[in-house]
Amino acid sequence: MLTCRHKDFQPPATTSALAEHRAGSLKCLDVDTELAAPTSPFVDESGASHTFAEFKGKVLVYNIWAEWCGPCVKEMPSLARLQKAFAGKDVAVVPVAFGSGKGVTRESTLAKLRELVGEDLPFFYDGEIMLQSEAQTGAMPATIIYDKEGQEVARLTVPAEWDSPEAVALVQAVLDGKK
C-alpha cells in the first residue's frame, strides 16, 4: 500500500490544474512547488559535465536515485517507458544517480542502470550529492517535473509507476503548458 510521508497525509487544496493528476501512484503529488531547476553540474557516463540548463525548452522529468535504493531501482523501468511514450516530443527523462556508501561508484551505478533499462535512459551521476541538496527533496526516490522554462511544477517523493495513465497525462499536461 502506497503511503505518503505520513499515513494521514491529505494533499493540500490548490489552484494548480495539475492537481487532477493526483491518483494511483501519484496520489501524493505536490503541485504547489516554486523552485527553479538546480544549477549544480553532474556528469554523464564519459565524465562530461552537464547542467539542467541544457534541457531548457523541454519538460524535464528529473529523477533522484541510487543503485542501493530498492524503490529507486524498482521504478527505473517505468521511467524508461515514460521516456519512450514521449519519444520525439520535448520531454527529457533525466535520472541522476548519486554516489555515497561503500563500493558505490559512477561505474557501478552505470552498470546497475544498464542492467535495469539498457540504453533506454541516459546515465547521469552526481558524486557530490549537490543536485539532491539543491532540489531540497530529503527523500529517495524523488521525481521533480520542470516546465519548459525550468520552473518546478510538480514533485513526488515516493516511488511511482511513471508509465501509468495518470503519470503520462501529468507529463502531457505540463507539455501542453498547464500549471
C-alpha atoms as a PDB file:
ATOM      1  CA  MET A   1       0.000   0.000   0.000  1.00  0.00           C
ATOM      2  CA  LEU A   2       1.363   3.383  -1.015  1.00  0.00           C
ATOM      3  CA  THR A   3       1.537   5.937   1.736  1.00  0.00           C
ATOM      4  CA  CYS A   4       2.672   9.485   1.538  1.00  0.00           C
ATOM      5  CA  ARG A   5       5.203  10.824   4.008  1.00  0.00           C
ATOM      6  CA  HIS A   6       2.701  10.463   6.823  1.00  0.00           C
ATOM      7  CA  LYS A   7      -0.078   7.894   6.918  1.00  0.00           C
ATOM      8  CA  ASP A   8      -2.736  10.595   7.402  1.00  0.00           C
ATOM      9  CA  PHE A   9      -1.424  12.772   4.556  1.00  0.00           C
ATOM     10  CA  GLN A  10      -4.065  14.746   2.719  1.00  0.00           C
ATOM     11  CA  PRO A  11      -2.932  16.774  -0.292  1.00  0.00           C
ATOM     12  CA  PRO A  12      -3.461  20.483   0.331  1.00  0.00           C
ATOM     13  CA  ALA A  13      -6.084  22.385  -1.583  1.00  0.00           C
ATOM     14  CA  THR A  14      -4.586  24.042  -4.624  1.00  0.00           C
ATOM     15  CA  THR A  15      -5.467  26.073  -7.676  1.00  0.00           C
ATOM     16  CA  SER A  16      -2.993  24.151  -9.849  1.00  0.00           C
ATOM     17  CA  ALA A  17      -4.527  22.449 -12.872  1.00  0.00           C
ATOM     18  CA  LEU A  18      -2.054  19.611 -12.271  1.00  0.00           C
ATOM     19  CA  ALA A  19      -3.814  18.564  -9.048  1.00  0.00           C
ATOM     20  CA  GLU A  20      -6.281  16.500 -11.094  1.00  0.00           C
ATOM     21  CA  HIS A  21      -3.430  14.027 -11.697  1.00  0.00           C
ATOM     22  CA  ARG A  22      -3.246  13.039  -8.008  1.00  0.00           C
ATOM     23  CA  ALA A  23      -4.383   9.456  -8.456  1.00  0.00           C
ATOM     24  CA  GLY A  24      -2.950   5.971  -8.272  1.00  0.00           C
ATOM     25  CA  SER A  25       0.770   6.058  -7.555  1.00  0.00           C
ATOM     26  CA  LEU A  26       0.684   9.874  -7.912  1.00  0.00           C
ATOM     27  CA  LYS A  27      -1.754  10.422  -5.032  1.00  0.00           C
ATOM     28  CA  CYS A  28       0.998  12.168  -3.021  1.00  0.00           C
ATOM     29  CA  LEU A  29       1.917  14.547  -5.865  1.00  0.00           C
ATOM     30  CA  ASP A  30       2.908  18.029  -4.696  1.00  0.00           C
ATOM     31  CA  VAL A  31       1.867  20.633  -7.265  1.00  0.00           C
ATOM     32  CA  ASP A  32       2.446  23.721  -5.146  1.00  0.00           C
ATOM     33  CA  THR A  33       6.154  23.990  -5.759  1.00  0.00           C
ATOM     34  CA  GLU A  34       8.078  27.089  -6.738  1.00  0.00           C
ATOM     35  CA  LEU A  35      11.720  26.120  -7.105  1.00  0.00           C
ATOM     36  CA  ALA A  36      13.777  26.626 -10.238  1.00  0.00           C
ATOM     37  CA  ALA A  37      15.779  23.717 -11.600  1.00  0.00           C
ATOM     38  CA  PRO A  38      19.076  23.136  -9.782  1.00  0.00           C
ATOM     39  CA  THR A  39      22.156  24.712 -11.330  1.00  0.00           C
ATOM     40  CA  SER A  40      24.827  22.358  -9.969  1.00  0.00           C
ATOM     41  CA  PRO A  41      26.693  20.263 -12.533  1.00  0.00           C
ATOM     42  CA  PHE A  42      26.522  16.493 -12.885  1.00  0.00           C
ATOM     43  CA  VAL A  43      28.345  14.103 -15.198  1.00  0.00           C
ATOM     44  CA  ASP A  44      27.440  11.565 -17.850  1.00  0.00           C
ATOM     45  CA  GLU A  45      28.976   8.115 -18.309  1.00  0.00           C
ATOM     46  CA  SER A  46      32.049   9.547 -20.030  1.00  0.00           C
ATOM     47  CA  GLY A  47      32.606  12.071 -17.227  1.00  0.00           C
ATOM     48  CA  ALA A  48      31.476  15.089 -19.276  1.00  0.00           C
ATOM     49  CA  SER A  49      29.806  17.798 -17.209  1.00  0.00           C
ATOM     50  CA  HIS A  50      26.178  18.847 -17.738  1.00  0.00           C
ATOM     51  CA  THR A  51      23.568  21.108 -16.146  1.00  0.00           C
ATOM     52  CA  PHE A  52      19.805  21.268 -16.385  1.00  0.00           C
ATOM     53  CA  ALA A  53      20.127  24.463 -18.441  1.00  0.00           C
ATOM     54  CA  GLU A  54      20.808  22.140 -21.393  1.00  0.00           C
ATOM     55  CA  PHE A  55      17.206  20.922 -21.179  1.00  0.00           C
ATOM     56  CA  LYS A  56      15.559  24.353 -21.348  1.00  0.00           C
ATOM     57  CA  GLY A  57      12.694  24.226 -23.839  1.00  0.00           C
ATOM     58  CA  LYS A  58      11.797  20.693 -22.767  1.00  0.00           C
ATOM     59  CA  VAL A  59       9.675  19.311 -19.989  1.00  0.00           C
ATOM     60  CA  LEU A  60      12.249  17.834 -17.630  1.00  0.00           C
ATOM     61  CA  VAL A  61      11.434  14.786 -15.515  1.00  0.00           C
ATOM     62  CA  TYR A  62      14.313  14.726 -13.022  1.00  0.00           C
ATOM     63  CA  ASN A  63      14.583  11.514 -11.017  1.00  0.00           C
ATOM     64  CA  ILE A  64      16.873  11.216  -7.997  1.00  0.00           C
ATOM     65  CA  TRP A  65      18.006   7.653  -7.393  1.00  0.00           C
ATOM     66  CA  ALA A  66      20.806   5.455  -6.091  1.00  0.00           C
ATOM     67  CA  GLU A  67      21.839   1.941  -7.051  1.00  0.00           C
ATOM     68  CA  TRP A  68      21.328   0.677  -3.477  1.00  0.00           C
ATOM     69  CA  CYS A  69      17.815   2.140  -3.110  1.00  0.00           C
ATOM     70  CA  GLY A  70      15.289  -0.665  -3.701  1.00  0.00           C
ATOM     71  CA  PRO A  71      12.300   1.580  -4.532  1.00  0.00           C
ATOM     72  CA  CYS A  72      14.521   3.654  -6.863  1.00  0.00           C
ATOM     73  CA  VAL A  73      15.625   0.560  -8.746  1.00  0.00           C
ATOM     74  CA  LYS A  74      12.046  -0.723  -8.963  1.00  0.00           C
ATOM     75  CA  GLU A  75      10.694   2.441 -10.615  1.00  0.00           C
ATOM     76  CA  MET A  76      13.539   2.879 -13.131  1.00  0.00           C
ATOM     77  CA  PRO A  77      11.959   0.680 -15.881  1.00  0.00           C
ATOM     78  CA  SER A  78       8.732   2.719 -15.687  1.00  0.00           C
ATOM     79  CA  LEU A  79      10.778   5.903 -16.195  1.00  0.00           C
ATOM     80  CA  ALA A  80      12.316   4.346 -19.312  1.00  0.00           C
ATOM     81  CA  ARG A  81       8.824   3.519 -20.606  1.00  0.00           C
ATOM     82  CA  LEU A  82       7.724   7.103 -19.870  1.00  0.00           C
ATOM     83  CA  GLN A  83      10.602   8.391 -21.998  1.00  0.00           C
ATOM     84  CA  LYS A  84       9.556   6.027 -24.815  1.00  0.00           C
ATOM     85  CA  ALA A  85       5.963   7.287 -24.550  1.00  0.00           C
ATOM     86  CA  PHE A  86       7.247  10.804 -25.305  1.00  0.00           C
ATOM     87  CA  ALA A  87       9.808   9.895 -27.953  1.00  0.00           C
ATOM     88  CA  GLY A  88      10.184  12.730 -30.447  1.00  0.00           C
ATOM     89  CA  LYS A  89       8.495  15.239 -28.123  1.00  0.00           C
ATOM     90  CA  ASP A  90      10.017  17.954 -25.955  1.00  0.00           C
ATOM     91  CA  VAL A  91      10.266  15.742 -22.870  1.00  0.00           C
ATOM     92  CA  ALA A  92      13.507  14.569 -21.251  1.00  0.00           C
ATOM     93  CA  VAL A  93      13.538  11.935 -18.529  1.00  0.00           C
ATOM     94  CA  VAL A  94      16.785  12.569 -16.664  1.00  0.00           C
ATOM     95  CA  PRO A  95      17.651  10.144 -13.886  1.00  0.00           C
ATOM     96  CA  VAL A  96      20.593  11.409 -11.864  1.00  0.00           C
ATOM     97  CA  ALA A  97      22.131   8.881  -9.514  1.00  0.00           C
ATOM     98  CA  PHE A  98      24.124   9.990  -6.569  1.00  0.00           C
ATOM     99  CA  GLY A  99      27.032   8.250  -5.018  1.00  0.00           C
ATOM    100  CA  SER A 100      27.532   7.518  -1.393  1.00  0.00           C
ATOM    101  CA  GLY A 101      28.297   4.410   0.515  1.00  0.00           C
ATOM    102  CA  LYS A 102      30.930   1.744   0.416  1.00  0.00           C
ATOM    103  CA  GLY A 103      31.629   0.492  -3.080  1.00  0.00           C
ATOM    104  CA  VAL A 104      29.275   2.918  -4.831  1.00  0.00           C
ATOM    105  CA  THR A 105      30.978   4.454  -7.834  1.00  0.00           C
ATOM    106  CA  ARG A 106      29.978   6.034 -11.099  1.00  0.00           C
ATOM    107  CA  GLU A 107      30.939   2.788 -12.828  1.00  0.00           C
ATOM    108  CA  SER A 108      28.916   0.525 -10.507  1.00  0.00           C
ATOM    109  CA  THR A 109      25.914   2.810 -10.820  1.00  0.00           C
ATOM    110  CA  LEU A 110      26.187   2.871 -14.618  1.00  0.00           C
ATOM    111  CA  ALA A 111      26.282  -0.932 -14.629  1.00  0.00           C
ATOM    112  CA  LYS A 112      23.118  -1.030 -12.491  1.00  0.00           C
ATOM    113  CA  LEU A 113      21.264   1.390 -14.774  1.00  0.00           C
ATOM    114  CA  ARG A 114      22.228  -0.597 -17.879  1.00  0.00           C
ATOM    115  CA  GLU A 115      21.076  -3.797 -16.155  1.00  0.00           C
ATOM    116  CA  LEU A 116      17.710  -2.164 -15.409  1.00  0.00           C
ATOM    117  CA  VAL A 117      16.935  -0.305 -18.654  1.00  0.00           C
ATOM    118  CA  GLY A 118      19.693  -0.968 -21.155  1.00  0.00           C
ATOM    119  CA  GLU A 119      20.265   2.137 -23.245  1.00  0.00           C
ATOM    120  CA  ASP A 120      16.674   3.387 -22.857  1.00  0.00           C
ATOM    121  CA  LEU A 121      17.671   6.173 -20.439  1.00  0.00           C
ATOM    122  CA  PRO A 122      20.748   8.367 -20.308  1.00  0.00           C
ATOM    123  CA  PHE A 123      23.159   7.935 -17.435  1.00  0.00           C
ATOM    124  CA  PHE A 124      23.918  10.886 -15.192  1.00  0.00           C
ATOM    125  CA  TYR A 125      25.736  10.909 -11.876  1.00  0.00           C
ATOM    126  CA  ASP A 126      26.132  13.388  -9.025  1.00  0.00           C
ATOM    127  CA  GLY A 127      29.067  12.181  -6.972  1.00  0.00           C
ATOM    128  CA  GLU A 128      28.947  15.250  -4.740  1.00  0.00           C
ATOM    129  CA  ILE A 129      25.203  14.964  -3.961  1.00  0.00           C
ATOM    130  CA  MET A 130      24.762  18.640  -4.837  1.00  0.00           C
ATOM    131  CA  LEU A 131      21.652  18.320  -7.028  1.00  0.00           C
ATOM    132  CA  GLN A 132      19.630  16.451  -4.442  1.00  0.00           C
ATOM    133  CA  SER A 133      20.581  19.050  -1.861  1.00  0.00           C
ATOM    134  CA  GLU A 134      19.739  21.929  -4.188  1.00  0.00           C
ATOM    135  CA  ALA A 135      16.415  20.320  -5.139  1.00  0.00           C
ATOM    136  CA  GLN A 136      15.504  20.109  -1.429  1.00  0.00           C
ATOM    137  CA  THR A 137      13.921  16.675  -1.633  1.00  0.00           C
ATOM    138  CA  GLY A 138      15.120  14.986   1.521  1.00  0.00           C
ATOM    139  CA  ALA A 139      13.846  11.671   0.142  1.00  0.00           C
ATOM    140  CA  MET A 140      14.518   8.945  -2.367  1.00  0.00           C
ATOM    141  CA  PRO A 141      13.338   8.163  -4.833  1.00  0.00           C
ATOM    142  CA  ALA A 142      12.194  11.625  -5.741  1.00  0.00           C
ATOM    143  CA  THR A 143      10.969  12.850  -9.087  1.00  0.00           C
ATOM    144  CA  ILE A 144      10.601  16.509  -9.928  1.00  0.00           C
ATOM    145  CA  ILE A 145       8.945  17.839 -13.057  1.00  0.00           C
ATOM    146  CA  TYR A 146      10.042  21.157 -14.541  1.00  0.00           C
ATOM    147  CA  ASP A 147       8.226  23.049 -17.270  1.00  0.00           C
ATOM    148  CA  LYS A 148       9.916  24.190 -20.470  1.00  0.00           C
ATOM    149  CA  GLU A 149      11.218  27.327 -18.721  1.00  0.00           C
ATOM    150  CA  GLY A 150      12.925  25.320 -15.976  1.00  0.00           C
ATOM    151  CA  GLN A 151      10.362  26.077 -13.261  1.00  0.00           C
ATOM    152  CA  GLU A 152       9.327  23.257 -10.959  1.00  0.00           C
ATOM    153  CA  VAL A 153       5.646  22.397 -11.371  1.00  0.00           C
ATOM    154  CA  ALA A 154       5.322  19.074  -9.528  1.00  0.00           C
ATOM    155  CA  ARG A 155       7.263  16.716  -7.293  1.00  0.00           C
ATOM    156  CA  LEU A 156       6.785  13.284  -5.857  1.00  0.00           C
ATOM    157  CA  THR A 157       8.943  11.952  -3.036  1.00  0.00           C
ATOM    158  CA  VAL A 158       7.652   8.391  -3.032  1.00  0.00           C
ATOM    159  CA  PRO A 159       8.017   5.687  -5.692  1.00  0.00           C
ATOM    160  CA  ALA A 160       5.603   5.732  -8.632  1.00  0.00           C
ATOM    161  CA  GLU A 161       4.681   3.923 -11.795  1.00  0.00           C
ATOM    162  CA  TRP A 162       5.874   6.583 -14.227  1.00  0.00           C
ATOM    163  CA  ASP A 163       4.273   4.950 -17.255  1.00  0.00           C
ATOM    164  CA  SER A 164       0.819   4.785 -15.653  1.00  0.00           C
ATOM    165  CA  PRO A 165      -2.032   6.652 -17.373  1.00  0.00           C
ATOM    166  CA  GLU A 166      -2.037   9.348 -14.665  1.00  0.00           C
ATOM    167  CA  ALA A 167       1.734   9.911 -14.934  1.00  0.00           C
ATOM    168  CA  VAL A 168       1.648  10.099 -18.735  1.00  0.00           C
ATOM    169  CA  ALA A 169      -1.309  12.504 -18.502  1.00  0.00           C
ATOM    170  CA  LEU A 170       0.599  14.651 -15.971  1.00  0.00           C
ATOM    171  CA  VAL A 171       3.645  14.971 -18.224  1.00  0.00           C
ATOM    172  CA  GLN A 172       1.413  15.665 -21.219  1.00  0.00           C
ATOM    173  CA  ALA A 173      -0.384  18.404 -19.266  1.00  0.00           C
ATOM    174  CA  VAL A 174       2.947  20.066 -18.451  1.00  0.00           C
ATOM    175  CA  LEU A 175       3.992  19.689 -22.094  1.00  0.00           C
ATOM    176  CA  ASP A 176       0.714  21.408 -23.041  1.00  0.00           C
ATOM    177  CA  GLY A 177       1.593  24.323 -20.757  1.00  0.00           C
ATOM    178  CA  LYS A 178      -0.760  23.603 -17.845  1.00  0.00           C
ATOM    179  CA  LYS A 179       0.348  24.579 -14.355  1.00  0.00           C
END
